[in-house]
PDB file of N, CA and C in Angstrom:
ATOM      1  N   MET A   1     322.662  -1.931  97.057  1.00  0.00           N
ATOM      2  CA  MET A   1     322.825  -0.642  97.689  1.00  0.00           C
ATOM      3  C   MET A   1     322.479   0.434  96.671  1.00  0.00           C
ATOM      4  N   PRO A   2     321.688   1.424  97.037  1.00  0.00           N
ATOM      5  CA  PRO A   2     321.314   2.474  96.083  1.00  0.00           C
ATOM      6  C   PRO A   2     322.524   3.309  95.683  1.00  0.00           C
ATOM      7  N   ASP A   3     322.455   3.837  94.490  1.00  0.00           N
ATOM      8  CA  ASP A   3     323.526   4.681  93.968  1.00  0.00           C
ATOM      9  C   ASP A   3     323.501   6.013  94.705  1.00  0.00           C
ATOM     10  N   SER A   4     324.618   6.364  95.331  1.00  0.00           N
ATOM     11  CA  SER A   4     324.688   7.610  96.087  1.00  0.00           C
ATOM     12  C   SER A   4     324.978   8.810  95.196  1.00  0.00           C
ATOM     13  N   GLY A   5     325.316   8.540  93.912  1.00  0.00           N
ATOM     14  CA  GLY A   5     325.613   9.639  92.993  1.00  0.00           C
ATOM     15  C   GLY A   5     327.057  10.086  93.064  1.00  0.00           C
ATOM     16  N   THR A   6     327.846   9.462  93.945  1.00  0.00           N
ATOM     17  CA  THR A   6     329.258   9.833  94.012  1.00  0.00           C
ATOM     18  C   THR A   6     330.056   8.951  93.078  1.00  0.00           C
ATOM     19  N   ASP A   7     331.134   9.490  92.581  1.00  0.00           N
ATOM     20  CA  ASP A   7     331.965   8.751  91.631  1.00  0.00           C
ATOM     21  C   ASP A   7     333.173   8.200  92.368  1.00  0.00           C
ATOM     22  N   ASP A   8     333.264   6.876  92.441  1.00  0.00           N
ATOM     23  CA  ASP A   8     334.397   6.246  93.120  1.00  0.00           C
ATOM     24  C   ASP A   8     335.526   5.889  92.163  1.00  0.00           C
ATOM     25  N   GLY A   9     335.414   6.336  90.910  1.00  0.00           N
ATOM     26  CA  GLY A   9     336.472   6.080  89.936  1.00  0.00           C
ATOM     27  C   GLY A   9     336.319   4.777  89.193  1.00  0.00           C
ATOM     28  N   THR A  10     335.298   4.009  89.509  1.00  0.00           N
ATOM     29  CA  THR A  10     335.124   2.724  88.842  1.00  0.00           C
ATOM     30  C   THR A  10     334.293   2.844  87.589  1.00  0.00           C
ATOM     31  N   GLY A  11     333.679   4.000  87.369  1.00  0.00           N
ATOM     32  CA  GLY A  11     332.814   4.170  86.203  1.00  0.00           C
ATOM     33  C   GLY A  11     331.449   3.559  86.406  1.00  0.00           C
ATOM     34  N   GLU A  12     331.152   3.139  87.623  1.00  0.00           N
ATOM     35  CA  GLU A  12     329.876   2.487  87.905  1.00  0.00           C
ATOM     36  C   GLU A  12     328.938   3.384  88.701  1.00  0.00           C
ATOM     37  N   SER A  13     329.154   4.675  88.678  1.00  0.00           N
ATOM     38  CA  SER A  13     328.335   5.584  89.464  1.00  0.00           C
ATOM     39  C   SER A  13     327.050   5.962  88.754  1.00  0.00           C
ATOM     40  N   GLY A  14     326.898   5.523  87.505  1.00  0.00           N
ATOM     41  CA  GLY A  14     325.707   5.882  86.747  1.00  0.00           C
ATOM     42  C   GLY A  14     325.856   7.194  86.013  1.00  0.00           C
ATOM     43  N   GLU A  15     326.988   7.857  86.190  1.00  0.00           N
ATOM     44  CA  GLU A  15     327.217   9.116  85.499  1.00  0.00           C
ATOM     45  C   GLU A  15     327.750   8.852  84.104  1.00  0.00           C
ATOM     46  N   THR A  16     327.559   9.793  83.211  1.00  0.00           N
ATOM     47  CA  THR A  16     328.053   9.626  81.850  1.00  0.00           C
ATOM     48  C   THR A  16     329.556   9.842  81.818  1.00  0.00           C
ATOM     49  N   THR A  17     330.193   9.210  80.830  1.00  0.00           N
ATOM     50  CA  THR A  17     331.638   9.341  80.668  1.00  0.00           C
ATOM     51  C   THR A  17     331.948  10.744  80.147  1.00  0.00           C
ATOM     52  N   PRO A  18     332.925  11.413  80.755  1.00  0.00           N
ATOM     53  CA  PRO A  18     333.271  12.748  80.251  1.00  0.00           C
ATOM     54  C   PRO A  18     333.893  12.654  78.863  1.00  0.00           C
ATOM     55  N   PRO A  19     333.851  13.732  78.103  1.00  0.00           N
ATOM     56  CA  PRO A  19     334.471  13.708  76.762  1.00  0.00           C
ATOM     57  C   PRO A  19     335.957  13.370  76.870  1.00  0.00           C
ATOM     58  N   ALA A  20     336.457  12.697  75.853  1.00  0.00           N
ATOM     59  CA  ALA A  20     337.872  12.318  75.830  1.00  0.00           C
ATOM     60  C   ALA A  20     338.744  13.571  75.761  1.00  0.00           C
ATOM     61  N   ALA A  21     339.828  13.574  76.534  1.00  0.00           N
ATOM     62  CA  ALA A  21     340.750  14.713  76.521  1.00  0.00           C
ATOM     63  C   ALA A  21     341.559  14.730  75.226  1.00  0.00           C
ATOM     64  N   ASN A  22     341.775  13.550  74.641  1.00  0.00           N
ATOM     65  CA  ASN A  22     342.520  13.406  73.393  1.00  0.00           C
ATOM     66  C   ASN A  22     341.634  12.610  72.428  1.00  0.00           C
ATOM     67  N   PRO A  23     340.571  13.243  71.913  1.00  0.00           N
ATOM     68  CA  PRO A  23     339.623  12.488  71.082  1.00  0.00           C
ATOM     69  C   PRO A  23     340.153  12.210  69.677  1.00  0.00           C
ATOM     70  N   ALA A  24     339.599  11.172  69.068  1.00  0.00           N
ATOM     71  CA  ALA A  24     339.905  10.892  67.662  1.00  0.00           C
ATOM     72  C   ALA A  24     339.389  12.054  66.828  1.00  0.00           C
ATOM     73  N   THR A  25     340.130  12.386  65.791  1.00  0.00           N
ATOM     74  CA  THR A  25     339.727  13.470  64.896  1.00  0.00           C
ATOM     75  C   THR A  25     339.279  12.939  63.536  1.00  0.00           C
ATOM     76  N   GLY A  26     339.364  11.615  63.364  1.00  0.00           N
ATOM     77  CA  GLY A  26     338.962  11.000  62.107  1.00  0.00           C
ATOM     78  C   GLY A  26     339.367   9.543  62.102  1.00  0.00           C
ATOM     79  N   ILE A  27     339.266   8.918  60.919  1.00  0.00           N
ATOM     80  CA  ILE A  27     339.773   7.566  60.735  1.00  0.00           C
ATOM     81  C   ILE A  27     340.664   7.557  59.502  1.00  0.00           C
ATOM     82  N   LYS A  28     341.622   6.644  59.499  1.00  0.00           N
ATOM     83  CA  LYS A  28     342.559   6.505  58.381  1.00  0.00           C
ATOM     84  C   LYS A  28     342.432   5.104  57.810  1.00  0.00           C
ATOM     85  N   MET A  29     342.492   5.008  56.489  1.00  0.00           N
ATOM     86  CA  MET A  29     342.509   3.715  55.826  1.00  0.00           C
ATOM     87  C   MET A  29     343.947   3.237  55.705  1.00  0.00           C
ATOM     88  N   SER A  30     344.112   1.930  55.617  1.00  0.00           N
ATOM     89  CA  SER A  30     345.441   1.342  55.487  1.00  0.00           C
ATOM     90  C   SER A  30     346.096   1.693  54.155  1.00  0.00           C
ATOM     91  N   GLN A  31     345.297   2.057  53.163  1.00  0.00           N
ATOM     92  CA  GLN A  31     345.815   2.492  51.867  1.00  0.00           C
ATOM     93  C   GLN A  31     344.765   3.350  51.178  1.00  0.00           C
ATOM     94  N   ALA A  32     345.205   4.216  50.247  1.00  0.00           N
ATOM     95  CA  ALA A  32     344.287   5.123  49.552  1.00  0.00           C
ATOM     96  C   ALA A  32     343.732   4.514  48.279  1.00  0.00           C
ATOM     97  N   THR A  33     344.513   3.627  47.648  1.00  0.00           N
ATOM     98  CA  THR A  33     344.093   2.983  46.407  1.00  0.00           C
ATOM     99  C   THR A  33     344.444   1.505  46.453  1.00  0.00           C
ATOM    100  N   ALA A  34     343.765   0.732  45.633  1.00  0.00           N
ATOM    101  CA  ALA A  34     344.073  -0.700  45.517  1.00  0.00           C
ATOM    102  C   ALA A  34     343.841  -1.124  44.076  1.00  0.00           C
ATOM    103  N   SER A  35     344.792  -1.860  43.531  1.00  0.00           N
ATOM    104  CA  SER A  35     344.650  -2.445  42.200  1.00  0.00           C
ATOM    105  C   SER A  35     344.476  -3.943  42.374  1.00  0.00           C
ATOM    106  N   MET A  36     343.422  -4.469  41.777  1.00  0.00           N
ATOM    107  CA  MET A  36     343.111  -5.884  41.937  1.00  0.00           C
ATOM    108  C   MET A  36     342.749  -6.488  40.595  1.00  0.00           C
ATOM    109  N   LYS A  37     342.694  -7.816  40.549  1.00  0.00           N
ATOM    110  CA  LYS A  37     342.221  -8.539  39.368  1.00  0.00           C
ATOM    111  C   LYS A  37     340.942  -9.272  39.753  1.00  0.00           C
ATOM    112  N   VAL A  38     340.080  -9.496  38.773  1.00  0.00           N
ATOM    113  CA  VAL A  38     338.826 -10.198  39.016  1.00  0.00           C
ATOM    114  C   VAL A  38     339.124 -11.502  39.755  1.00  0.00           C
ATOM    115  N   GLY A  39     338.398 -11.737  40.842  1.00  0.00           N
ATOM    116  CA  GLY A  39     338.575 -12.935  41.651  1.00  0.00           C
ATOM    117  C   GLY A  39     339.495 -12.747  42.849  1.00  0.00           C
ATOM    118  N   ASP A  40     340.277 -11.661  42.857  1.00  0.00           N
ATOM    119  CA  ASP A  40     341.180 -11.400  43.976  1.00  0.00           C
ATOM    120  C   ASP A  40     340.419 -10.948  45.218  1.00  0.00           C
ATOM    121  N   THR A  41     341.060 -11.143  46.370  1.00  0.00           N
ATOM    122  CA  THR A  41     340.582 -10.548  47.617  1.00  0.00           C
ATOM    123  C   THR A  41     341.737  -9.794  48.248  1.00  0.00           C
ATOM    124  N   LYS A  42     341.403  -8.769  48.993  1.00  0.00           N
ATOM    125  CA  LYS A  42     342.411  -7.955  49.676  1.00  0.00           C
ATOM    126  C   LYS A  42     341.727  -7.333  50.885  1.00  0.00           C
ATOM    127  N   GLN A  43     342.419  -7.329  52.008  1.00  0.00           N
ATOM    128  CA  GLN A  43     341.843  -6.720  53.202  1.00  0.00           C
ATOM    129  C   GLN A  43     342.411  -5.333  53.420  1.00  0.00           C
ATOM    130  N   VAL A  44     341.530  -4.386  53.694  1.00  0.00           N
ATOM    131  CA  VAL A  44     341.915  -3.038  54.083  1.00  0.00           C
ATOM    132  C   VAL A  44     341.399  -2.813  55.498  1.00  0.00           C
ATOM    133  N   THR A  45     342.019  -1.885  56.193  1.00  0.00           N
ATOM    134  CA  THR A  45     341.578  -1.588  57.553  1.00  0.00           C
ATOM    135  C   THR A  45     341.452  -0.086  57.747  1.00  0.00           C
ATOM    136  N   ALA A  46     340.564   0.275  58.633  1.00  0.00           N
ATOM    137  CA  ALA A  46     340.395   1.671  59.021  1.00  0.00           C
ATOM    138  C   ALA A  46     340.614   1.746  60.524  1.00  0.00           C
ATOM    139  N   VAL A  47     341.375   2.736  60.950  1.00  0.00           N
ATOM    140  CA  VAL A  47     341.664   2.901  62.371  1.00  0.00           C
ATOM    141  C   VAL A  47     341.505   4.359  62.768  1.00  0.00           C
ATOM    142  N   ALA A  48     341.288   4.560  64.055  1.00  0.00           N
ATOM    143  CA  ALA A  48     341.140   5.912  64.590  1.00  0.00           C
ATOM    144  C   ALA A  48     342.401   6.728  64.330  1.00  0.00           C
ATOM    145  N   ASP A  49     342.201   8.016  64.100  1.00  0.00           N
ATOM    146  CA  ASP A  49     343.301   8.952  63.908  1.00  0.00           C
ATOM    147  C   ASP A  49     343.120  10.092  64.909  1.00  0.00           C
ATOM    148  N   PRO A  50     344.053  10.333  65.798  1.00  0.00           N
ATOM    149  CA  PRO A  50     345.300   9.599  65.975  1.00  0.00           C
ATOM    150  C   PRO A  50     345.063   8.235  66.633  1.00  0.00           C
ATOM    151  N   ALA A  51     345.988   7.317  66.396  1.00  0.00           N
ATOM    152  CA  ALA A  51     345.858   5.950  66.907  1.00  0.00           C
ATOM    153  C   ALA A  51     345.847   5.903  68.429  1.00  0.00           C
ATOM    154  N   ASN A  52     346.456   6.903  69.069  1.00  0.00           N
ATOM    155  CA  ASN A  52     346.508   6.918  70.536  1.00  0.00           C
ATOM    156  C   ASN A  52     345.399   7.771  71.152  1.00  0.00           C
ATOM    157  N   ALA A  53     344.362   8.072  70.378  1.00  0.00           N
ATOM    158  CA  ALA A  53     343.238   8.853  70.913  1.00  0.00           C
ATOM    159  C   ALA A  53     342.604   8.103  72.073  1.00  0.00           C
ATOM    160  N   ASP A  54     342.091   8.861  73.049  1.00  0.00           N
ATOM    161  CA  ASP A  54     341.465   8.258  74.221  1.00  0.00           C
ATOM    162  C   ASP A  54     340.296   7.349  73.839  1.00  0.00           C
ATOM    163  N   ASP A  55     339.590   7.704  72.760  1.00  0.00           N
ATOM    164  CA  ASP A  55     338.413   6.931  72.342  1.00  0.00           C
ATOM    165  C   ASP A  55     338.704   6.031  71.139  1.00  0.00           C
ATOM    166  N   ALA A  56     339.979   5.761  70.861  1.00  0.00           N
ATOM    167  CA  ALA A  56     340.372   4.977  69.676  1.00  0.00           C
ATOM    168  C   ALA A  56     339.704   3.608  69.651  1.00  0.00           C
ATOM    169  N   ALA A  57     339.659   2.926  70.774  1.00  0.00           N
ATOM    170  CA  ALA A  57     339.063   1.577  70.807  1.00  0.00           C
ATOM    171  C   ALA A  57     337.599   1.622  70.399  1.00  0.00           C
ATOM    172  N   ASN A  58     336.859   2.615  70.889  1.00  0.00           N
ATOM    173  CA  ASN A  58     335.443   2.738  70.533  1.00  0.00           C
ATOM    174  C   ASN A  58     335.266   3.078  69.059  1.00  0.00           C
ATOM    175  N   VAL A  59     336.103   3.980  68.553  1.00  0.00           N
ATOM    176  CA  VAL A  59     336.041   4.365  67.140  1.00  0.00           C
ATOM    177  C   VAL A  59     336.341   3.150  66.262  1.00  0.00           C
ATOM    178  N   ASN A  60     337.398   2.419  66.587  1.00  0.00           N
ATOM    179  CA  ASN A  60     337.787   1.250  65.792  1.00  0.00           C
ATOM    180  C   ASN A  60     336.716   0.173  65.821  1.00  0.00           C
ATOM    181  N   GLN A  61     336.101  -0.039  66.972  1.00  0.00           N
ATOM    182  CA  GLN A  61     335.082  -1.078  67.105  1.00  0.00           C
ATOM    183  C   GLN A  61     333.835  -0.748  66.277  1.00  0.00           C
ATOM    184  N   ALA A  62     333.575   0.529  66.054  1.00  0.00           N
ATOM    185  CA  ALA A  62     332.360   0.950  65.350  1.00  0.00           C
ATOM    186  C   ALA A  62     332.528   1.033  63.832  1.00  0.00           C
ATOM    187  N   VAL A  63     333.710   0.731  63.305  1.00  0.00           N
ATOM    188  CA  VAL A  63     333.949   0.861  61.862  1.00  0.00           C
ATOM    189  C   VAL A  63     333.067  -0.099  61.073  1.00  0.00           C
ATOM    190  N   LYS A  64     332.423   0.437  60.040  1.00  0.00           N
ATOM    191  CA  LYS A  64     331.604  -0.335  59.096  1.00  0.00           C
ATOM    192  C   LYS A  64     332.114  -0.009  57.697  1.00  0.00           C
ATOM    193  N   TYR A  65     332.069  -1.014  56.807  1.00  0.00           N
ATOM    194  CA  TYR A  65     332.557  -0.842  55.438  1.00  0.00           C
ATOM    195  C   TYR A  65     331.404  -0.963  54.451  1.00  0.00           C
ATOM    196  N   ALA A  66     331.512  -0.217  53.328  1.00  0.00           N
ATOM    197  CA  ALA A  66     330.511  -0.295  52.262  1.00  0.00           C
ATOM    198  C   ALA A  66     331.194  -0.073  50.925  1.00  0.00           C
ATOM    199  N   SER A  67     330.619  -0.678  49.864  1.00  0.00           N
ATOM    200  CA  SER A  67     331.127  -0.509  48.505  1.00  0.00           C
ATOM    201  C   SER A  67     330.193   0.412  47.739  1.00  0.00           C
ATOM    202  N   SER A  68     330.776   1.248  46.886  1.00  0.00           N
ATOM    203  CA  SER A  68     329.952   2.135  46.058  1.00  0.00           C
ATOM    204  C   SER A  68     329.256   1.366  44.948  1.00  0.00           C
ATOM    205  N   ASP A  69     329.751   0.161  44.606  1.00  0.00           N
ATOM    206  CA  ASP A  69     329.145  -0.651  43.545  1.00  0.00           C
ATOM    207  C   ASP A  69     329.384  -2.127  43.834  1.00  0.00           C
ATOM    208  N   ASP A  70     328.391  -2.766  44.428  1.00  0.00           N
ATOM    209  CA  ASP A  70     328.515  -4.183  44.804  1.00  0.00           C
ATOM    210  C   ASP A  70     328.577  -5.122  43.606  1.00  0.00           C
ATOM    211  N   THR A  71     328.355  -4.610  42.395  1.00  0.00           N
ATOM    212  CA  THR A  71     328.500  -5.475  41.217  1.00  0.00           C
ATOM    213  C   THR A  71     329.964  -5.545  40.773  1.00  0.00           C
ATOM    214  N   ILE A  72     330.769  -4.579  41.206  1.00  0.00           N
ATOM    215  CA  ILE A  72     332.192  -4.538  40.850  1.00  0.00           C
ATOM    216  C   ILE A  72     333.052  -5.093  41.981  1.00  0.00           C
ATOM    217  N   ALA A  73     332.787  -4.652  43.189  1.00  0.00           N
ATOM    218  CA  ALA A  73     333.550  -5.113  44.353  1.00  0.00           C
ATOM    219  C   ALA A  73     332.660  -5.107  45.578  1.00  0.00           C
ATOM    220  N   THR A  74     332.751  -6.174  46.357  1.00  0.00           N
ATOM    221  CA  THR A  74     332.034  -6.222  47.631  1.00  0.00           C
ATOM    222  C   THR A  74     333.061  -6.083  48.746  1.00  0.00           C
ATOM    223  N   VAL A  75     332.573  -5.721  49.926  1.00  0.00           N
ATOM    224  CA  VAL A  75     333.462  -5.616  51.079  1.00  0.00           C
ATOM    225  C   VAL A  75     332.755  -6.226  52.284  1.00  0.00           C
ATOM    226  N   ALA A  76     333.494  -7.086  52.982  1.00  0.00           N
ATOM    227  CA  ALA A  76     332.964  -7.766  54.159  1.00  0.00           C
ATOM    228  C   ALA A  76     333.128  -6.889  55.402  1.00  0.00           C
ATOM    229  N   ALA A  77     332.508  -7.312  56.479  1.00  0.00           N
ATOM    230  CA  ALA A  77     332.558  -6.559  57.731  1.00  0.00           C
ATOM    231  C   ALA A  77     333.977  -6.370  58.247  1.00  0.00           C
ATOM    232  N   ASP A  78     334.898  -7.269  57.883  1.00  0.00           N
ATOM    233  CA  ASP A  78     336.287  -7.148  58.337  1.00  0.00           C
ATOM    234  C   ASP A  78     337.167  -6.357  57.370  1.00  0.00           C
ATOM    235  N   GLY A  79     336.558  -5.772  56.319  1.00  0.00           N
ATOM    236  CA  GLY A  79     337.314  -4.968  55.360  1.00  0.00           C
ATOM    237  C   GLY A  79     337.884  -5.748  54.194  1.00  0.00           C
ATOM    238  N   THR A  80     337.513  -7.032  54.053  1.00  0.00           N
ATOM    239  CA  THR A  80     338.015  -7.823  52.938  1.00  0.00           C
ATOM    240  C   THR A  80     337.226  -7.497  51.675  1.00  0.00           C
ATOM    241  N   ILE A  81     337.952  -7.011  50.668  1.00  0.00           N
ATOM    242  CA  ILE A  81     337.354  -6.647  49.377  1.00  0.00           C
ATOM    243  C   ILE A  81     337.439  -7.853  48.455  1.00  0.00           C
ATOM    244  N   THR A  82     336.353  -8.141  47.747  1.00  0.00           N
ATOM    245  CA  THR A  82     336.342  -9.183  46.724  1.00  0.00           C
ATOM    246  C   THR A  82     336.071  -8.523  45.381  1.00  0.00           C
ATOM    247  N   ALA A  83     336.992  -8.711  44.432  1.00  0.00           N
ATOM    248  CA  ALA A  83     336.871  -8.132  43.091  1.00  0.00           C
ATOM    249  C   ALA A  83     335.979  -9.033  42.245  1.00  0.00           C
ATOM    250  N   LEU A  84     334.852  -8.502  41.749  1.00  0.00           N
ATOM    251  CA  LEU A  84     333.888  -9.304  41.007  1.00  0.00           C
ATOM    252  C   LEU A  84     333.980  -9.132  39.499  1.00  0.00           C
ATOM    253  N   LYS A  85     334.211  -7.893  39.051  1.00  0.00           N
ATOM    254  CA  LYS A  85     334.341  -7.649  37.611  1.00  0.00           C
ATOM    255  C   LYS A  85     335.159  -6.387  37.388  1.00  0.00           C
ATOM    256  N   GLU A  86     335.589  -6.191  36.136  1.00  0.00           N
ATOM    257  CA  GLU A  86     336.402  -5.023  35.796  1.00  0.00           C
ATOM    258  C   GLU A  86     335.645  -3.735  36.073  1.00  0.00           C
ATOM    259  N   GLY A  87     336.384  -2.742  36.546  1.00  0.00           N
ATOM    260  CA  GLY A  87     335.792  -1.427  36.806  1.00  0.00           C
ATOM    261  C   GLY A  87     336.433  -0.785  38.016  1.00  0.00           C
ATOM    262  N   THR A  88     335.785   0.260  38.529  1.00  0.00           N
ATOM    263  CA  THR A  88     336.269   0.934  39.728  1.00  0.00           C
ATOM    264  C   THR A  88     335.134   1.042  40.736  1.00  0.00           C
ATOM    265  N   ALA A  89     335.498   0.980  41.977  1.00  0.00           N
ATOM    266  CA  ALA A  89     334.543   1.143  43.067  1.00  0.00           C
ATOM    267  C   ALA A  89     335.266   1.836  44.207  1.00  0.00           C
ATOM    268  N   THR A  90     334.518   2.492  45.036  1.00  0.00           N
ATOM    269  CA  THR A  90     335.079   3.132  46.213  1.00  0.00           C
ATOM    270  C   THR A  90     334.594   2.391  47.447  1.00  0.00           C
ATOM    271  N   ILE A  91     335.529   1.975  48.273  1.00  0.00           N
ATOM    272  CA  ILE A  91     335.200   1.341  49.545  1.00  0.00           C
ATOM    273  C   ILE A  91     335.240   2.445  50.598  1.00  0.00           C
ATOM    274  N   THR A  92     334.147   2.605  51.311  1.00  0.00           N
ATOM    275  CA  THR A  92     334.052   3.632  52.344  1.00  0.00           C
ATOM    276  C   THR A  92     333.973   2.974  53.710  1.00  0.00           C
ATOM    277  N   ALA A  93     334.816   3.433  54.590  1.00  0.00           N
ATOM    278  CA  ALA A  93     334.763   3.013  55.990  1.00  0.00           C
ATOM    279  C   ALA A  93     334.140   4.160  56.765  1.00  0.00           C
ATOM    280  N   SER A  94     333.252   3.840  57.690  1.00  0.00           N
ATOM    281  CA  SER A  94     332.656   4.884  58.507  1.00  0.00           C
ATOM    282  C   SER A  94     332.624   4.439  59.963  1.00  0.00           C
ATOM    283  N   SER A  95     332.758   5.413  60.833  1.00  0.00           N
ATOM    284  CA  SER A  95     332.655   5.202  62.272  1.00  0.00           C
ATOM    285  C   SER A  95     332.111   6.492  62.848  1.00  0.00           C
ATOM    286  N   GLY A  96     330.853   6.448  63.280  1.00  0.00           N
ATOM    287  CA  GLY A  96     330.219   7.683  63.731  1.00  0.00           C
ATOM    288  C   GLY A  96     330.182   8.677  62.593  1.00  0.00           C
ATOM    289  N   SER A  97     330.696   9.878  62.820  1.00  0.00           N
ATOM    290  CA  SER A  97     330.691  10.909  61.774  1.00  0.00           C
ATOM    291  C   SER A  97     331.953  10.872  60.912  1.00  0.00           C
ATOM    292  N   PHE A  98     332.882   9.958  61.206  1.00  0.00           N
ATOM    293  CA  PHE A  98     334.142   9.876  60.467  1.00  0.00           C
ATOM    294  C   PHE A  98     334.009   8.945  59.267  1.00  0.00           C
ATOM    295  N   THR A  99     334.630   9.327  58.150  1.00  0.00           N
ATOM    296  CA  THR A  99     334.681   8.455  56.977  1.00  0.00           C
ATOM    297  C   THR A  99     336.065   8.506  56.340  1.00  0.00           C
ATOM    298  N   ALA A 100     336.400   7.422  55.645  1.00  0.00           N
ATOM    299  CA  ALA A 100     337.643   7.344  54.885  1.00  0.00           C
ATOM    300  C   ALA A 100     337.382   6.395  53.717  1.00  0.00           C
ATOM    301  N   THR A 101     338.128   6.555  52.634  1.00  0.00           N
ATOM    302  CA  THR A 101     337.862   5.763  51.435  1.00  0.00           C
ATOM    303  C   THR A 101     339.115   5.142  50.839  1.00  0.00           C
ATOM    304  N   VAL A 102     338.871   4.070  50.056  1.00  0.00           N
ATOM    305  CA  VAL A 102     339.895   3.441  49.229  1.00  0.00           C
ATOM    306  C   VAL A 102     339.290   3.326  47.829  1.00  0.00           C
ATOM    307  N   LYS A 103     340.020   3.818  46.816  1.00  0.00           N
ATOM    308  CA  LYS A 103     339.568   3.673  45.437  1.00  0.00           C
ATOM    309  C   LYS A 103     340.132   2.362  44.905  1.00  0.00           C
ATOM    310  N   VAL A 104     339.244   1.482  44.461  1.00  0.00           N
ATOM    311  CA  VAL A 104     339.643   0.162  43.984  1.00  0.00           C
ATOM    312  C   VAL A 104     339.485   0.116  42.472  1.00  0.00           C
ATOM    313  N   THR A 105     340.541  -0.283  41.782  1.00  0.00           N
ATOM    314  CA  THR A 105     340.506  -0.475  40.334  1.00  0.00           C
ATOM    315  C   THR A 105     340.703  -1.957  40.047  1.00  0.00           C
ATOM    316  N   ILE A 106     339.774  -2.530  39.301  1.00  0.00           N
ATOM    317  CA  ILE A 106     339.814  -3.964  39.045  1.00  0.00           C
ATOM    318  C   ILE A 106     340.023  -4.218  37.558  1.00  0.00           C
ATOM    319  N   ALA A 107     341.023  -5.043  37.268  1.00  0.00           N
ATOM    320  CA  ALA A 107     341.349  -5.430  35.899  1.00  0.00           C
ATOM    321  C   ALA A 107     340.940  -6.878  35.681  1.00  0.00           C
ATOM    322  N   ALA A 108     340.921  -7.284  34.416  1.00  0.00           N
ATOM    323  CA  ALA A 108     340.572  -8.670  34.081  1.00  0.00           C
ATOM    324  C   ALA A 108     341.590  -9.629  34.694  1.00  0.00           C
ATOM    325  N   ALA A 109     341.138 -10.808  35.034  1.00  0.00           N
ATOM    326  CA  ALA A 109     342.045 -11.822  35.568  1.00  0.00           C
ATOM    327  C   ALA A 109     343.019 -12.245  34.467  1.00  0.00           C
ATOM    328  N   ALA A 110     344.230 -12.556  34.863  1.00  0.00           N
ATOM    329  CA  ALA A 110     345.279 -12.921  33.889  1.00  0.00           C
ATOM    330  C   ALA A 110     344.983 -14.272  33.254  1.00  0.00           C
TER     331      ALA A 110
END
């Protein structure tokens, strides 16, 4: 059946989704800093802020992680940081235009 252009509330009318009434205003990291030792792993997470934003699920699903120095610390798609050598690196989470960071300091293994 051809689309009549009317909206029946199912979201299948072909019209674009209206802007969220309570949109996310940013993303928050689970922590601001992390101290690790060479060889350690630690998972950090980034979530929409506020957590109850109408578009929180979309913001959270789009989060990508990156390390400022992959020779010191790498970060996986799920936010797991692996400490490779002594030094500092910044892990940046991004989702659309939102960003948040964790400063990671890595010490020698005991």
